[in-house]
Amino acid sequence: MAFCLAVSMQRNLQAQCIKHLPIKANRRFERERKRMQDIVDEVIRARKLSPDSKNSEKDLLGYMLNAVSDEGLGFEFKYVDDTPATYDPNPKPSPT
């Protein structure tokens, strides 16, 4: 998983065609990305089945799973499980 997170920013700068070449780095990235996604899916699935599933104040996941828009729509599940993929393990401080 660390590999996937470490190279994600680099992959954002690559041409799309490079990301689809059948090379070792791309196969590893996809394997690690899938593994990370499976873990996130399992955590979300377990939370939805837990007694804390309706507790929006427990943590960020609880808040996201219980969020409702002004129109009464729930937070789309795809946004919940895509969020970890955008996590930057080495965030840069914003200029002040």
Protein backbone atom coordinates (compact mmCIF):
# COMPACT_ATOMS: atom_id res chain seq x y z
CA MET A 1 0.00 0.00 0.00
CA ALA A 2 2.86 2.37 0.74
CA PHE A 3 4.08 1.90 -2.83
CA CYS A 4 0.68 2.83 -4.21
CA LEU A 5 0.46 5.98 -2.12
CA ALA A 6 4.06 6.96 -2.84
CA VAL A 7 3.72 6.80 -6.62
CA SER A 8 0.18 8.17 -6.95
CA MET A 9 1.33 11.78 -7.33
CA GLN A 10 3.94 10.76 -9.89
CA ARG A 11 1.28 8.86 -11.87
CA ASN A 12 -0.92 11.97 -11.97
CA LEU A 13 1.79 13.66 -14.02
CA GLN A 14 2.24 10.76 -16.45
CA ALA A 15 0.62 10.53 -19.84
CA GLN A 16 -2.43 8.26 -19.78
CA CYS A 17 -0.87 5.82 -22.23
CA ILE A 18 2.05 5.13 -19.85
CA LYS A 19 -0.36 4.08 -17.08
CA HIS A 20 -1.78 1.30 -19.25
CA LEU A 21 1.47 -0.26 -20.43
CA PRO A 22 1.96 -3.85 -19.18
CA ILE A 23 5.08 -3.05 -17.19
CA LYS A 24 6.06 -4.22 -13.73
CA ALA A 25 5.46 -0.86 -12.01
CA ASN A 26 1.93 -0.58 -13.44
CA ARG A 27 1.03 -4.14 -12.48
CA ARG A 28 2.33 -3.53 -8.96
CA PHE A 29 0.44 -0.25 -8.68
CA GLU A 30 -2.84 -1.89 -9.74
CA ARG A 31 -2.30 -4.82 -7.38
CA GLU A 32 -1.60 -2.46 -4.45
CA ARG A 33 -4.48 -0.14 -5.40
CA LYS A 34 -6.87 -3.10 -5.50
CA ARG A 35 -5.60 -4.33 -2.13
CA MET A 36 -6.09 -0.89 -0.58
CA GLN A 37 -9.58 -0.59 -2.10
CA ASP A 38 -10.55 -4.03 -0.76
CA ILE A 39 -9.47 -3.00 2.74
CA VAL A 40 -11.45 0.24 2.54
CA ASP A 41 -14.51 -1.62 1.24
CA GLU A 42 -14.29 -4.08 4.13
CA VAL A 43 -13.97 -1.29 6.72
CA ILE A 44 -17.03 0.46 5.28
CA ARG A 45 -19.00 -2.80 5.11
CA ALA A 46 -18.12 -3.62 8.72
CA ARG A 47 -19.11 -0.13 9.89
CA LYS A 48 -22.46 -0.33 8.13
CA LEU A 49 -23.18 -3.57 10.00
CA SER A 50 -21.95 -2.32 13.38
CA PRO A 51 -24.01 -0.75 16.19
CA ASP A 52 -22.14 2.51 15.43
CA SER A 53 -23.46 2.66 11.86
CA LYS A 54 -25.81 5.58 12.65
CA ASN A 55 -23.33 7.48 14.84
CA SER A 56 -22.25 10.44 12.73
CA GLU A 57 -20.15 11.86 15.57
CA LYS A 58 -17.92 8.81 16.12
CA ASP A 59 -15.41 9.76 13.40
CA LEU A 60 -15.10 10.99 9.82
CA LEU A 61 -16.35 7.73 8.33
CA GLY A 62 -19.46 7.87 10.51
CA TYR A 63 -20.05 11.46 9.42
CA MET A 64 -19.63 10.61 5.73
CA LEU A 65 -21.89 7.55 5.90
CA ASN A 66 -24.64 9.55 7.63
CA ALA A 67 -24.35 12.86 5.77
CA VAL A 68 -27.50 14.19 4.11
CA SER A 69 -27.66 17.07 1.65
CA ASP A 70 -30.12 19.96 1.84
CA GLU A 71 -32.18 18.04 -0.72
CA GLY A 72 -32.35 15.03 1.60
CA LEU A 73 -29.92 12.92 -0.42
CA GLY A 74 -27.35 10.73 1.27
CA PHE A 75 -23.65 10.91 0.60
CA GLU A 76 -22.87 8.70 -2.40
CA PHE A 77 -21.00 5.55 -1.41
CA LYS A 78 -18.54 5.92 -4.31
CA TYR A 79 -17.26 9.16 -2.74
CA VAL A 80 -16.77 7.47 0.61
CA ASP A 81 -14.68 4.63 -0.77
CA ASP A 82 -12.74 6.84 -3.24
CA THR A 83 -11.62 9.26 -0.54
CA PRO A 84 -8.63 7.24 0.72
CA ALA A 85 -7.22 7.13 -2.80
CA THR A 86 -6.76 10.90 -2.65
CA TYR A 87 -5.00 10.84 0.71
CA ASP A 88 -1.51 12.37 0.62
CA PRO A 89 0.72 10.69 3.22
CA ASN A 90 3.13 13.65 3.10
CA PRO A 91 0.95 16.76 2.94
CA LYS A 92 2.66 20.06 2.25
CA PRO A 93 1.70 22.97 4.53
CA SER A 94 -0.32 25.59 2.75
CA PRO A 95 1.34 28.97 2.32
CA THR A 96 0.04 31.61 4.71
